[in-house]
Amino acid sequence: MRKIILGLSALCLAGAANAAVSINFMQGASALPAGFSVFETFDGYANGALLAGATNARAYAAPVSGIAARPAFNSSGNFGAALGGTPSNYTVSFAATRGFSFVLGSLDSFNSFTLLYANGTEQTLNGAQIALGADADGDQVQADSNGRVVYLAQPGDPSIVGARFQSGGYSFEFDDLATLANSPVPEPASWAMFVLGFGIAGRAMRRRRRLSVPAFS
C-alpha cells in the first residue's frame, strides 16, 4: 500500500542558516494555499529553452523520455527541469517572504534544493529532505513523490529571498513557483495557527482519498 502522508515538520540544518523552516508536503492534487501567489509557470519559455540564468536547466512543454517528466499533479503548460549529465543549477530570486512553494515532480535522491535567506545565509536540503514524507524514488506517477511543497520561515528567522534547484541526474522537475504575499513577521501564536491549518488540510485530503478508493473483491 502506498503511503499517503502530509509532511509537516520543522527542519534545522546546522551550519546553514541556523534557522528552522516548516516543510509541508501535500501529496497529489491540491489547491495553492491561501495567501500564496504564483510568479513563475515557465509558460513564457519556448520548449527546451534554457531557463534564465540557469546552467543545464530548461523549460519543457511535454515530457522527454529519459530526460524530464511533467509533475504528475498540479502542472499544466510548461514546467522546469534541472537536468543531469552535467551540473545543473537554476536560481530564482524574489521579494522577501515568509513562504515559498512549488509543484514537485518525481522526487529523486540526487535532487537538492537550497533556500536563500535575507541575511545572506542559505539552507540546502537533499532529496530526502526536500519534501518530508515523500519518497525520493523518482516515481513519475505516484502521489508520494509528486505534489506541492510549501516552506514557511519561522518567527524570528530571516525571510526567504530566493531558491536554487539542482540535480546530479535526470532530473529535478518543478512548476508553479509561488510566494506568500504580504507576509510580515507574524506573532508566534498566529504562525502556529497558520501551520496547523496545513495539518488539518492534509488530514482532510487523506480522508477524501480513502473514501475514493474503490473496493475490489
N, C-alpha and C. Protein backbone atom coordinates (compact mmCIF):
# COMPACT_ATOMS: atom_id res chain seq x y z
N MET A 1 0.85 -1.17 0.00
CA MET A 1 0.00 0.00 0.00
C MET A 1 0.89 1.24 0.00
N ARG A 2 0.60 2.17 -0.90
CA ARG A 2 1.37 3.40 -0.99
C ARG A 2 1.03 4.30 0.19
N LYS A 3 2.03 5.02 0.66
CA LYS A 3 1.82 5.91 1.78
C LYS A 3 1.12 7.18 1.33
N ILE A 4 0.23 7.69 2.18
CA ILE A 4 -0.39 8.99 1.94
C ILE A 4 -0.12 9.82 3.19
N ILE A 5 0.84 10.76 3.07
CA ILE A 5 1.32 11.49 4.23
C ILE A 5 1.41 12.97 3.91
N LEU A 6 1.05 13.79 4.86
CA LEU A 6 1.39 15.20 4.78
C LEU A 6 2.62 15.39 5.65
N GLY A 7 3.75 15.77 5.03
CA GLY A 7 4.95 16.03 5.79
C GLY A 7 4.86 17.41 6.40
N LEU A 8 4.75 17.48 7.73
CA LEU A 8 4.62 18.77 8.40
C LEU A 8 5.60 18.78 9.55
N SER A 9 6.74 19.47 9.34
CA SER A 9 7.79 19.39 10.34
C SER A 9 8.71 20.58 10.24
N ALA A 10 9.43 20.87 11.29
CA ALA A 10 10.45 21.91 11.27
C ALA A 10 11.80 21.25 11.14
N LEU A 11 12.61 21.72 10.19
CA LEU A 11 13.92 21.14 9.92
C LEU A 11 14.96 22.20 10.17
N CYS A 12 15.98 21.91 10.98
CA CYS A 12 17.04 22.87 11.24
C CYS A 12 18.37 22.22 10.87
N LEU A 13 19.08 22.79 9.91
CA LEU A 13 20.35 22.24 9.47
C LEU A 13 21.49 23.05 10.08
N ALA A 14 22.35 22.37 10.83
CA ALA A 14 23.48 23.06 11.44
C ALA A 14 24.44 23.54 10.37
N GLY A 15 25.01 24.73 10.60
CA GLY A 15 25.99 25.26 9.67
C GLY A 15 25.37 25.89 8.44
N ALA A 16 24.07 25.91 8.33
CA ALA A 16 23.42 26.54 7.17
C ALA A 16 22.89 27.89 7.61
N ALA A 17 21.59 28.04 7.64
CA ALA A 17 21.01 29.33 8.00
C ALA A 17 20.82 29.48 9.51
N ASN A 18 21.07 28.40 10.27
CA ASN A 18 20.77 28.41 11.69
C ASN A 18 19.33 28.84 11.93
N ALA A 19 18.46 28.39 11.06
CA ALA A 19 17.05 28.76 11.13
C ALA A 19 16.21 27.52 10.92
N ALA A 20 15.02 27.55 11.46
CA ALA A 20 14.09 26.45 11.26
C ALA A 20 13.13 26.83 10.15
N VAL A 21 12.79 25.86 9.31
CA VAL A 21 11.80 26.11 8.27
C VAL A 21 10.80 24.97 8.32
N SER A 22 9.53 25.30 8.29
CA SER A 22 8.49 24.29 8.27
C SER A 22 8.33 23.80 6.84
N ILE A 23 8.40 22.48 6.66
CA ILE A 23 8.29 21.88 5.33
C ILE A 23 6.97 21.13 5.26
N ASN A 24 6.11 21.55 4.35
CA ASN A 24 4.78 20.97 4.22
C ASN A 24 4.65 20.32 2.85
N PHE A 25 4.47 19.02 2.80
CA PHE A 25 4.32 18.31 1.53
C PHE A 25 2.88 17.82 1.41
N MET A 26 2.20 18.27 0.36
CA MET A 26 0.84 17.86 0.09
C MET A 26 0.85 16.94 -1.13
N GLN A 27 0.68 15.66 -0.90
CA GLN A 27 0.76 14.67 -1.97
C GLN A 27 -0.34 14.86 -2.99
N GLY A 28 0.00 14.55 -4.24
CA GLY A 28 -1.00 14.54 -5.28
C GLY A 28 -1.58 15.90 -5.58
N ALA A 29 -2.85 15.91 -6.02
CA ALA A 29 -3.51 17.16 -6.41
C ALA A 29 -3.91 17.96 -5.17
N SER A 30 -3.65 19.26 -5.22
CA SER A 30 -4.03 20.13 -4.10
C SER A 30 -4.09 21.56 -4.60
N ALA A 31 -4.89 22.37 -3.95
CA ALA A 31 -5.00 23.77 -4.30
C ALA A 31 -3.83 24.55 -3.72
N LEU A 32 -3.49 25.66 -4.36
CA LEU A 32 -2.46 26.54 -3.83
C LEU A 32 -2.96 27.10 -2.49
N PRO A 33 -2.14 27.03 -1.44
CA PRO A 33 -2.59 27.52 -0.14
C PRO A 33 -3.00 28.99 -0.18
N ALA A 34 -3.92 29.37 0.65
CA ALA A 34 -4.39 30.75 0.72
C ALA A 34 -3.23 31.69 1.02
N GLY A 35 -3.22 32.82 0.34
CA GLY A 35 -2.19 33.83 0.57
C GLY A 35 -1.00 33.72 -0.35
N PHE A 36 -0.86 32.58 -1.04
CA PHE A 36 0.26 32.39 -1.96
C PHE A 36 -0.12 32.84 -3.37
N SER A 37 0.85 33.39 -4.09
CA SER A 37 0.65 33.82 -5.47
C SER A 37 1.75 33.23 -6.35
N VAL A 38 1.36 32.61 -7.46
CA VAL A 38 2.32 32.04 -8.40
C VAL A 38 2.97 33.15 -9.20
N PHE A 39 4.30 33.14 -9.28
CA PHE A 39 5.01 34.16 -10.05
C PHE A 39 5.79 33.58 -11.23
N GLU A 40 5.91 32.26 -11.30
CA GLU A 40 6.62 31.64 -12.43
C GLU A 40 5.99 30.31 -12.79
N THR A 41 5.50 30.22 -14.05
CA THR A 41 4.92 28.99 -14.57
C THR A 41 5.75 28.40 -15.70
N PHE A 42 6.77 29.12 -16.16
CA PHE A 42 7.66 28.71 -17.26
C PHE A 42 6.96 28.71 -18.61
N ASP A 43 5.73 29.22 -18.65
CA ASP A 43 4.99 29.25 -19.92
C ASP A 43 5.55 30.29 -20.89
N GLY A 44 6.36 31.21 -20.41
CA GLY A 44 6.95 32.21 -21.28
C GLY A 44 8.16 31.73 -22.05
N TYR A 45 8.58 30.49 -21.79
CA TYR A 45 9.75 29.92 -22.47
C TYR A 45 9.32 29.05 -23.64
N ALA A 46 10.16 29.01 -24.67
CA ALA A 46 9.96 28.06 -25.75
C ALA A 46 10.31 26.66 -25.25
N ASN A 47 9.73 25.65 -25.85
CA ASN A 47 10.01 24.27 -25.46
C ASN A 47 11.50 23.97 -25.58
N GLY A 48 12.10 23.51 -24.47
CA GLY A 48 13.51 23.15 -24.46
C GLY A 48 14.45 24.31 -24.20
N ALA A 49 13.92 25.51 -23.97
CA ALA A 49 14.76 26.69 -23.77
C ALA A 49 15.46 26.65 -22.41
N LEU A 50 16.68 27.17 -22.37
CA LEU A 50 17.44 27.28 -21.13
C LEU A 50 16.76 28.30 -20.23
N LEU A 51 16.59 27.98 -18.97
CA LEU A 51 15.97 28.91 -18.03
C LEU A 51 16.91 30.09 -17.77
N ALA A 52 16.34 31.25 -17.52
CA ALA A 52 17.11 32.47 -17.33
C ALA A 52 18.13 32.31 -16.20
N GLY A 53 19.40 32.57 -16.51
CA GLY A 53 20.46 32.50 -15.51
C GLY A 53 20.83 31.10 -15.08
N ALA A 54 20.27 30.08 -15.74
CA ALA A 54 20.48 28.70 -15.30
C ALA A 54 21.68 28.05 -16.00
N THR A 55 22.16 27.00 -15.39
CA THR A 55 23.14 26.11 -16.01
C THR A 55 22.50 24.74 -16.15
N ASN A 56 22.27 24.33 -17.38
CA ASN A 56 21.71 23.00 -17.65
C ASN A 56 20.36 22.77 -16.98
N ALA A 57 19.50 23.77 -17.03
CA ALA A 57 18.13 23.64 -16.55
C ALA A 57 17.23 24.28 -17.61
N ARG A 58 16.16 23.58 -18.02
CA ARG A 58 15.37 24.00 -19.16
C ARG A 58 13.87 23.92 -18.89
N ALA A 59 13.11 24.58 -19.75
CA ALA A 59 11.65 24.52 -19.71
C ALA A 59 11.17 23.54 -20.77
N TYR A 60 10.15 22.77 -20.45
CA TYR A 60 9.60 21.80 -21.41
C TYR A 60 8.09 21.93 -21.45
N ALA A 61 7.56 21.70 -22.64
CA ALA A 61 6.11 21.73 -22.83
C ALA A 61 5.49 20.36 -22.69
N ALA A 62 6.31 19.33 -22.74
CA ALA A 62 5.84 17.94 -22.66
C ALA A 62 6.98 17.07 -22.14
N PRO A 63 6.68 15.90 -21.61
CA PRO A 63 7.74 15.01 -21.14
C PRO A 63 8.71 14.64 -22.25
N VAL A 64 9.97 14.44 -21.87
CA VAL A 64 11.00 13.99 -22.80
C VAL A 64 11.56 12.69 -22.23
N SER A 65 11.37 11.60 -22.94
CA SER A 65 11.75 10.28 -22.44
C SER A 65 13.21 10.24 -22.00
N GLY A 66 13.43 9.79 -20.77
CA GLY A 66 14.77 9.65 -20.23
C GLY A 66 15.40 10.95 -19.78
N ILE A 67 14.69 12.07 -19.99
CA ILE A 67 15.25 13.38 -19.65
C ILE A 67 14.42 14.09 -18.59
N ALA A 68 13.14 14.31 -18.87
CA ALA A 68 12.30 15.07 -17.95
C ALA A 68 10.86 14.60 -18.04
N ALA A 69 10.22 14.50 -16.89
CA ALA A 69 8.81 14.09 -16.82
C ALA A 69 8.00 15.17 -16.14
N ARG A 70 6.86 15.51 -16.73
CA ARG A 70 6.00 16.51 -16.11
C ARG A 70 5.57 16.05 -14.70
N PRO A 71 5.57 16.98 -13.72
CA PRO A 71 5.00 16.63 -12.42
C PRO A 71 3.60 16.03 -12.60
N ALA A 72 3.34 14.94 -11.90
CA ALA A 72 2.11 14.18 -12.15
C ALA A 72 0.85 14.92 -11.72
N PHE A 73 0.98 15.92 -10.86
CA PHE A 73 -0.19 16.65 -10.36
C PHE A 73 0.08 18.15 -10.35
N ASN A 74 -0.97 18.93 -10.53
CA ASN A 74 -0.94 20.39 -10.37
C ASN A 74 -0.15 21.13 -11.44
N SER A 75 0.31 20.47 -12.49
CA SER A 75 1.14 21.12 -13.50
C SER A 75 0.43 21.14 -14.85
N SER A 76 0.45 22.30 -15.51
CA SER A 76 -0.08 22.41 -16.86
C SER A 76 0.81 23.37 -17.63
N GLY A 77 0.70 23.38 -18.96
CA GLY A 77 1.59 24.22 -19.75
C GLY A 77 3.02 23.74 -19.64
N ASN A 78 3.96 24.66 -19.56
CA ASN A 78 5.37 24.29 -19.42
C ASN A 78 5.70 23.93 -17.98
N PHE A 79 6.83 23.26 -17.81
CA PHE A 79 7.39 23.01 -16.48
C PHE A 79 8.90 23.15 -16.58
N GLY A 80 9.56 23.33 -15.44
CA GLY A 80 11.00 23.46 -15.41
C GLY A 80 11.66 22.17 -14.99
N ALA A 81 12.92 21.98 -15.41
CA ALA A 81 13.67 20.79 -15.03
C ALA A 81 15.15 21.11 -14.94
N ALA A 82 15.74 20.82 -13.78
CA ALA A 82 17.19 20.86 -13.62
C ALA A 82 17.70 19.49 -14.04
N LEU A 83 18.53 19.45 -15.07
CA LEU A 83 18.89 18.20 -15.72
C LEU A 83 20.13 17.56 -15.11
N GLY A 84 20.36 16.31 -15.48
CA GLY A 84 21.55 15.59 -15.04
C GLY A 84 22.60 15.60 -16.14
N GLY A 85 23.55 14.70 -16.03
CA GLY A 85 24.60 14.60 -17.03
C GLY A 85 25.75 15.52 -16.70
N THR A 86 25.48 16.81 -16.60
CA THR A 86 26.45 17.81 -16.14
C THR A 86 25.79 18.60 -15.02
N PRO A 87 26.58 19.30 -14.21
CA PRO A 87 25.98 20.04 -13.08
C PRO A 87 24.86 20.96 -13.54
N SER A 88 23.76 20.96 -12.81
CA SER A 88 22.61 21.80 -13.12
C SER A 88 22.38 22.78 -11.98
N ASN A 89 21.86 23.94 -12.35
CA ASN A 89 21.63 24.97 -11.34
C ASN A 89 20.63 25.98 -11.88
N TYR A 90 19.50 26.10 -11.23
CA TYR A 90 18.53 27.15 -11.55
C TYR A 90 18.21 27.89 -10.28
N THR A 91 18.54 29.18 -10.25
CA THR A 91 18.31 30.01 -9.08
C THR A 91 17.29 31.09 -9.41
N VAL A 92 16.32 31.27 -8.54
CA VAL A 92 15.31 32.30 -8.71
C VAL A 92 15.30 33.20 -7.48
N SER A 93 15.19 34.50 -7.71
CA SER A 93 15.14 35.48 -6.63
C SER A 93 13.78 36.15 -6.60
N PHE A 94 13.36 36.59 -5.42
CA PHE A 94 12.05 37.25 -5.28
C PHE A 94 12.07 38.13 -4.05
N ALA A 95 11.05 38.96 -3.90
CA ALA A 95 10.95 39.84 -2.74
C ALA A 95 10.86 39.02 -1.45
N ALA A 96 11.40 39.57 -0.38
CA ALA A 96 11.43 38.87 0.90
C ALA A 96 10.05 38.38 1.29
N THR A 97 9.98 37.13 1.70
CA THR A 97 8.70 36.50 2.03
C THR A 97 8.90 35.49 3.15
N ARG A 98 7.82 35.16 3.84
CA ARG A 98 7.89 34.11 4.87
C ARG A 98 7.57 32.74 4.30
N GLY A 99 7.06 32.68 3.05
CA GLY A 99 6.67 31.39 2.49
C GLY A 99 7.01 31.25 1.02
N PHE A 100 7.47 30.06 0.64
CA PHE A 100 7.77 29.75 -0.75
C PHE A 100 7.19 28.37 -1.06
N SER A 101 6.65 28.21 -2.27
CA SER A 101 6.01 26.95 -2.64
C SER A 101 6.32 26.62 -4.10
N PHE A 102 6.32 25.33 -4.43
CA PHE A 102 6.40 24.90 -5.82
C PHE A 102 5.78 23.53 -5.99
N VAL A 103 5.42 23.23 -7.22
CA VAL A 103 4.90 21.91 -7.58
C VAL A 103 6.09 21.01 -7.88
N LEU A 104 6.13 19.86 -7.25
CA LEU A 104 7.25 18.93 -7.32
C LEU A 104 6.90 17.74 -8.20
N GLY A 105 7.87 17.31 -9.02
CA GLY A 105 7.67 16.13 -9.86
C GLY A 105 8.73 15.07 -9.64
N SER A 106 8.32 13.83 -9.53
CA SER A 106 9.18 12.63 -9.44
C SER A 106 10.46 12.87 -8.64
N LEU A 107 10.29 13.17 -7.37
CA LEU A 107 11.42 13.46 -6.47
C LEU A 107 12.44 12.32 -6.49
N ASP A 108 13.72 12.69 -6.61
CA ASP A 108 14.82 11.72 -6.63
C ASP A 108 15.80 12.01 -5.50
N SER A 109 16.54 10.98 -5.09
CA SER A 109 17.53 11.14 -4.04
C SER A 109 18.68 12.04 -4.46
N PHE A 110 18.91 12.17 -5.78
CA PHE A 110 20.02 13.01 -6.25
C PHE A 110 19.60 14.45 -6.52
N ASN A 111 18.36 14.80 -6.21
CA ASN A 111 17.92 16.20 -6.29
C ASN A 111 18.40 16.94 -5.04
N SER A 112 18.61 18.24 -5.17
CA SER A 112 18.88 19.08 -4.00
C SER A 112 18.23 20.43 -4.20
N PHE A 113 17.91 21.07 -3.09
CA PHE A 113 17.16 22.33 -3.11
C PHE A 113 17.71 23.24 -2.03
N THR A 114 17.93 24.51 -2.37
CA THR A 114 18.51 25.45 -1.42
C THR A 114 17.60 26.66 -1.26
N LEU A 115 17.32 27.02 -0.01
CA LEU A 115 16.60 28.25 0.30
C LEU A 115 17.62 29.34 0.60
N LEU A 116 17.42 30.53 0.03
CA LEU A 116 18.31 31.67 0.23
C LEU A 116 17.61 32.66 1.14
N TYR A 117 18.31 33.13 2.17
CA TYR A 117 17.71 33.98 3.18
C TYR A 117 18.19 35.43 3.08
N ALA A 118 17.39 36.33 3.64
CA ALA A 118 17.65 37.76 3.55
C ALA A 118 18.93 38.17 4.25
N ASN A 119 19.41 37.38 5.22
CA ASN A 119 20.63 37.73 5.93
C ASN A 119 21.89 37.18 5.25
N GLY A 120 21.73 36.66 4.03
CA GLY A 120 22.88 36.18 3.27
C GLY A 120 23.22 34.72 3.49
N THR A 121 22.52 34.05 4.38
CA THR A 121 22.77 32.63 4.61
C THR A 121 21.89 31.79 3.69
N GLU A 122 22.13 30.52 3.65
CA GLU A 122 21.33 29.61 2.84
C GLU A 122 21.22 28.25 3.52
N GLN A 123 20.26 27.47 3.09
CA GLN A 123 19.95 26.18 3.70
C GLN A 123 19.68 25.18 2.59
N THR A 124 20.50 24.14 2.50
CA THR A 124 20.38 23.16 1.43
C THR A 124 19.72 21.88 1.95
N LEU A 125 18.74 21.39 1.19
CA LEU A 125 18.01 20.18 1.52
C LEU A 125 18.32 19.13 0.47
N ASN A 126 18.62 17.91 0.92
CA ASN A 126 18.87 16.84 -0.04
C ASN A 126 17.56 16.18 -0.45
N GLY A 127 17.64 15.16 -1.29
CA GLY A 127 16.44 14.53 -1.82
C GLY A 127 15.46 14.06 -0.77
N ALA A 128 15.98 13.52 0.33
CA ALA A 128 15.10 13.02 1.39
C ALA A 128 14.47 14.14 2.20
N GLN A 129 15.07 15.34 2.16
CA GLN A 129 14.59 16.44 2.99
C GLN A 129 13.71 17.43 2.24
N ILE A 130 13.78 17.46 0.91
CA ILE A 130 13.08 18.46 0.12
C ILE A 130 11.58 18.47 0.42
N ALA A 131 11.00 17.29 0.51
CA ALA A 131 9.57 17.16 0.82
C ALA A 131 9.42 16.07 1.86
N LEU A 132 9.41 16.47 3.13
CA LEU A 132 9.32 15.48 4.20
C LEU A 132 8.03 14.68 4.08
N GLY A 133 8.15 13.37 4.14
CA GLY A 133 7.00 12.49 3.95
C GLY A 133 6.91 11.94 2.55
N ALA A 134 7.71 12.48 1.62
CA ALA A 134 7.71 11.97 0.24
C ALA A 134 8.74 10.86 0.08
N ASP A 135 8.56 10.04 -0.95
CA ASP A 135 9.53 9.01 -1.30
C ASP A 135 10.41 9.55 -2.41
N ALA A 136 11.72 9.64 -2.17
CA ALA A 136 12.65 10.14 -3.18
C ALA A 136 13.10 9.00 -4.08
N ASP A 137 12.12 8.38 -4.77
CA ASP A 137 12.40 7.20 -5.58
C ASP A 137 12.24 7.45 -7.08
N GLY A 138 11.97 8.69 -7.47
CA GLY A 138 11.86 9.02 -8.88
C GLY A 138 10.60 8.56 -9.56
N ASP A 139 9.62 8.08 -8.80
CA ASP A 139 8.38 7.62 -9.42
C ASP A 139 7.66 8.79 -10.08
N GLN A 140 7.27 8.61 -11.34
CA GLN A 140 6.71 9.70 -12.14
C GLN A 140 5.19 9.82 -12.04
N VAL A 141 4.53 8.89 -11.38
CA VAL A 141 3.06 8.91 -11.36
C VAL A 141 2.45 8.86 -9.97
N GLN A 142 3.17 8.34 -8.99
CA GLN A 142 2.60 8.16 -7.66
C GLN A 142 2.58 9.46 -6.86
N ALA A 143 1.57 9.62 -6.02
CA ALA A 143 1.41 10.83 -5.24
C ALA A 143 2.48 11.00 -4.17
N ASP A 144 3.12 9.91 -3.75
CA ASP A 144 4.10 10.04 -2.68
C ASP A 144 5.44 10.60 -3.15
N SER A 145 5.58 10.88 -4.45
CA SER A 145 6.78 11.58 -4.93
C SER A 145 6.43 12.73 -5.87
N ASN A 146 5.13 13.05 -5.94
CA ASN A 146 4.65 14.16 -6.77
C ASN A 146 3.59 14.93 -5.99
N GLY A 147 3.73 16.25 -5.92
CA GLY A 147 2.74 17.03 -5.18
C GLY A 147 3.18 18.47 -5.04
N ARG A 148 2.74 19.11 -3.98
CA ARG A 148 3.06 20.52 -3.74
C ARG A 148 3.84 20.63 -2.44
N VAL A 149 4.93 21.41 -2.48
CA VAL A 149 5.76 21.64 -1.30
C VAL A 149 5.62 23.09 -0.88
N VAL A 150 5.51 23.32 0.43
CA VAL A 150 5.43 24.67 0.97
C VAL A 150 6.46 24.81 2.08
N TYR A 151 7.27 25.87 2.00
CA TYR A 151 8.27 26.17 3.03
C TYR A 151 7.84 27.44 3.75
N LEU A 152 7.85 27.40 5.07
CA LEU A 152 7.46 28.55 5.88
C LEU A 152 8.58 28.89 6.86
N ALA A 153 9.13 30.09 6.72
CA ALA A 153 10.13 30.56 7.68
C ALA A 153 9.44 30.85 9.00
N GLN A 154 10.13 30.57 10.08
CA GLN A 154 9.54 30.71 11.40
C GLN A 154 9.73 32.11 11.97
N PRO A 155 8.88 32.53 12.91
CA PRO A 155 9.02 33.85 13.53
C PRO A 155 10.42 34.04 14.12
N GLY A 156 11.01 35.20 13.87
CA GLY A 156 12.33 35.49 14.39
C GLY A 156 13.45 35.07 13.46
N ASP A 157 13.15 34.27 12.44
CA ASP A 157 14.15 33.84 11.48
C ASP A 157 14.12 34.74 10.25
N PRO A 158 15.20 34.75 9.47
CA PRO A 158 15.24 35.63 8.29
C PRO A 158 14.21 35.23 7.24
N SER A 159 13.77 36.22 6.47
CA SER A 159 12.85 35.95 5.38
C SER A 159 13.55 35.21 4.25
N ILE A 160 12.75 34.57 3.40
CA ILE A 160 13.27 33.85 2.24
C ILE A 160 13.29 34.81 1.06
N VAL A 161 14.42 34.86 0.34
CA VAL A 161 14.55 35.78 -0.80
C VAL A 161 14.93 35.06 -2.11
N GLY A 162 15.08 33.75 -2.06
CA GLY A 162 15.41 33.03 -3.28
C GLY A 162 15.45 31.53 -3.06
N ALA A 163 15.57 30.81 -4.17
CA ALA A 163 15.62 29.35 -4.11
C ALA A 163 16.49 28.84 -5.26
N ARG A 164 17.15 27.72 -5.03
CA ARG A 164 18.02 27.12 -6.05
C ARG A 164 17.67 25.65 -6.22
N PHE A 165 17.43 25.24 -7.46
CA PHE A 165 17.14 23.86 -7.79
C PHE A 165 18.37 23.24 -8.45
N GLN A 166 18.80 22.07 -7.97
CA GLN A 166 19.97 21.40 -8.53
C GLN A 166 19.69 19.90 -8.64
N SER A 167 20.40 19.24 -9.53
CA SER A 167 20.23 17.79 -9.66
C SER A 167 21.50 17.16 -10.20
N GLY A 168 21.84 15.99 -9.64
CA GLY A 168 23.00 15.25 -10.11
C GLY A 168 22.66 14.21 -11.15
N GLY A 169 21.38 14.13 -11.52
CA GLY A 169 20.94 13.15 -12.53
C GLY A 169 19.66 13.66 -13.15
N TYR A 170 19.16 12.94 -14.16
CA TYR A 170 17.91 13.31 -14.82
C TYR A 170 16.72 12.90 -13.95
N SER A 171 15.95 13.84 -13.48
CA SER A 171 16.08 15.29 -13.43
C SER A 171 15.37 15.75 -12.16
N PHE A 172 15.32 17.05 -11.94
CA PHE A 172 14.55 17.65 -10.84
C PHE A 172 13.49 18.52 -11.51
N GLU A 173 12.23 18.06 -11.52
CA GLU A 173 11.16 18.77 -12.21
C GLU A 173 10.33 19.61 -11.23
N PHE A 174 9.92 20.80 -11.69
CA PHE A 174 9.19 21.72 -10.81
C PHE A 174 8.32 22.65 -11.66
N ASP A 175 7.32 23.22 -11.03
CA ASP A 175 6.39 24.12 -11.73
C ASP A 175 5.74 25.04 -10.70
N ASP A 176 5.07 26.08 -11.20
CA ASP A 176 4.24 26.98 -10.38
C ASP A 176 4.96 27.46 -9.11
N LEU A 177 6.05 28.19 -9.29
CA LEU A 177 6.76 28.76 -8.15
C LEU A 177 5.90 29.87 -7.55
N ALA A 178 5.77 29.90 -6.23
CA ALA A 178 4.85 30.84 -5.59
C ALA A 178 5.44 31.35 -4.28
N THR A 179 5.06 32.56 -3.92
CA THR A 179 5.46 33.14 -2.64
C THR A 179 4.23 33.55 -1.85
N LEU A 180 4.43 33.67 -0.55
CA LEU A 180 3.37 34.12 0.34
C LEU A 180 3.31 35.63 0.30
N ALA A 181 2.23 36.18 -0.22
CA ALA A 181 2.11 37.61 -0.43
C ALA A 181 1.89 38.36 0.88
N ASN A 182 2.45 39.58 0.95
CA ASN A 182 2.23 40.45 2.11
C ASN A 182 2.42 39.69 3.41
N SER A 183 3.63 39.17 3.60
CA SER A 183 3.85 38.29 4.74
C SER A 183 4.88 38.85 5.71
N PRO A 184 4.53 39.86 6.50
CA PRO A 184 5.43 40.34 7.54
C PRO A 184 5.61 39.28 8.62
N VAL A 185 6.61 39.47 9.47
CA VAL A 185 6.85 38.50 10.54
C VAL A 185 5.62 38.44 11.44
N PRO A 186 4.99 37.28 11.57
CA PRO A 186 3.78 37.17 12.40
C PRO A 186 4.11 36.91 13.86
N GLU A 187 3.12 37.07 14.69
CA GLU A 187 3.27 36.67 16.08
C GLU A 187 3.35 35.14 16.14
N PRO A 188 4.13 34.58 17.09
CA PRO A 188 4.27 33.13 17.17
C PRO A 188 2.94 32.38 17.23
N ALA A 189 1.96 32.90 17.98
CA ALA A 189 0.67 32.22 18.09
C ALA A 189 -0.04 32.19 16.75
N SER A 190 0.01 33.30 16.02
CA SER A 190 -0.63 33.36 14.71
C SER A 190 0.03 32.40 13.74
N TRP A 191 1.36 32.33 13.80
CA TRP A 191 2.09 31.44 12.89
C TRP A 191 1.77 29.99 13.19
N ALA A 192 1.65 29.66 14.47
CA ALA A 192 1.31 28.28 14.84
C ALA A 192 -0.04 27.89 14.27
N MET A 193 -1.01 28.81 14.31
CA MET A 193 -2.33 28.52 13.75
C MET A 193 -2.26 28.35 12.24
N PHE A 194 -1.41 29.15 11.58
CA PHE A 194 -1.26 29.05 10.13
C PHE A 194 -0.71 27.68 9.74
N VAL A 195 0.35 27.26 10.44
CA VAL A 195 0.96 25.96 10.16
C VAL A 195 -0.01 24.83 10.46
N LEU A 196 -0.77 24.97 11.58
CA LEU A 196 -1.75 23.95 11.94
C LEU A 196 -2.77 23.76 10.83
N GLY A 197 -3.10 24.83 10.13
CA GLY A 197 -4.06 24.74 9.03
C GLY A 197 -3.63 23.76 7.96
N PHE A 198 -2.32 23.67 7.68
CA PHE A 198 -1.83 22.71 6.70
C PHE A 198 -2.08 21.28 7.17
N GLY A 199 -1.87 21.07 8.49
CA GLY A 199 -2.10 19.72 9.01
C GLY A 199 -3.55 19.31 8.88
N ILE A 200 -4.47 20.24 9.17
CA ILE A 200 -5.89 19.95 9.06
C ILE A 200 -6.26 19.65 7.61
N ALA A 201 -5.72 20.48 6.68
CA ALA A 201 -5.99 20.26 5.26
C ALA A 201 -5.46 18.91 4.81
N GLY A 202 -4.28 18.54 5.32
CA GLY A 202 -3.69 17.26 4.93
C GLY A 202 -4.54 16.09 5.39
N ARG A 203 -5.05 16.16 6.61
CA ARG A 203 -5.90 15.07 7.10
C ARG A 203 -7.17 14.97 6.29
N ALA A 204 -7.72 16.12 5.89
CA ALA A 204 -8.94 16.11 5.08
C ALA A 204 -8.69 15.47 3.72
N MET A 205 -7.53 15.80 3.10
CA MET A 205 -7.21 15.21 1.80
C MET A 205 -7.02 13.71 1.92
N ARG A 206 -6.35 13.30 3.03
CA ARG A 206 -6.13 11.87 3.22
C ARG A 206 -7.45 11.13 3.36
N ARG A 207 -8.40 11.73 4.09
CA ARG A 207 -9.71 11.10 4.26
C ARG A 207 -10.44 11.01 2.93
N ARG A 208 -10.37 12.07 2.11
CA ARG A 208 -11.04 12.04 0.82
C ARG A 208 -10.47 10.95 -0.06
N ARG A 209 -9.15 10.77 -0.01
CA ARG A 209 -8.53 9.73 -0.84
C ARG A 209 -8.98 8.35 -0.39
N ARG A 210 -9.05 8.17 0.94
CA ARG A 210 -9.52 6.86 1.43
C ARG A 210 -10.92 6.56 0.94
N LEU A 211 -11.79 7.57 0.99
CA LEU A 211 -13.18 7.35 0.59
C LEU A 211 -13.31 7.12 -0.90
N SER A 212 -12.33 7.61 -1.68
CA SER A 212 -12.43 7.48 -3.14
C SER A 212 -11.82 6.21 -3.68
N VAL A 213 -11.16 5.41 -2.82
CA VAL A 213 -10.54 4.18 -3.31
C VAL A 213 -11.60 3.12 -3.51
N PRO A 214 -11.73 2.57 -4.75
CA PRO A 214 -12.75 1.56 -4.99
C PRO A 214 -12.43 0.25 -4.27
N ALA A 215 -13.45 -0.48 -3.92
CA ALA A 215 -13.28 -1.79 -3.27
C ALA A 215 -13.30 -2.89 -4.31
N PHE A 216 -12.42 -3.85 -4.14
CA PHE A 216 -12.35 -4.99 -5.06
C PHE A 216 -12.55 -6.27 -4.28
N SER A 217 -13.25 -7.19 -4.88
CA SER A 217 -13.48 -8.47 -4.21
C SER A 217 -12.56 -9.53 -4.78
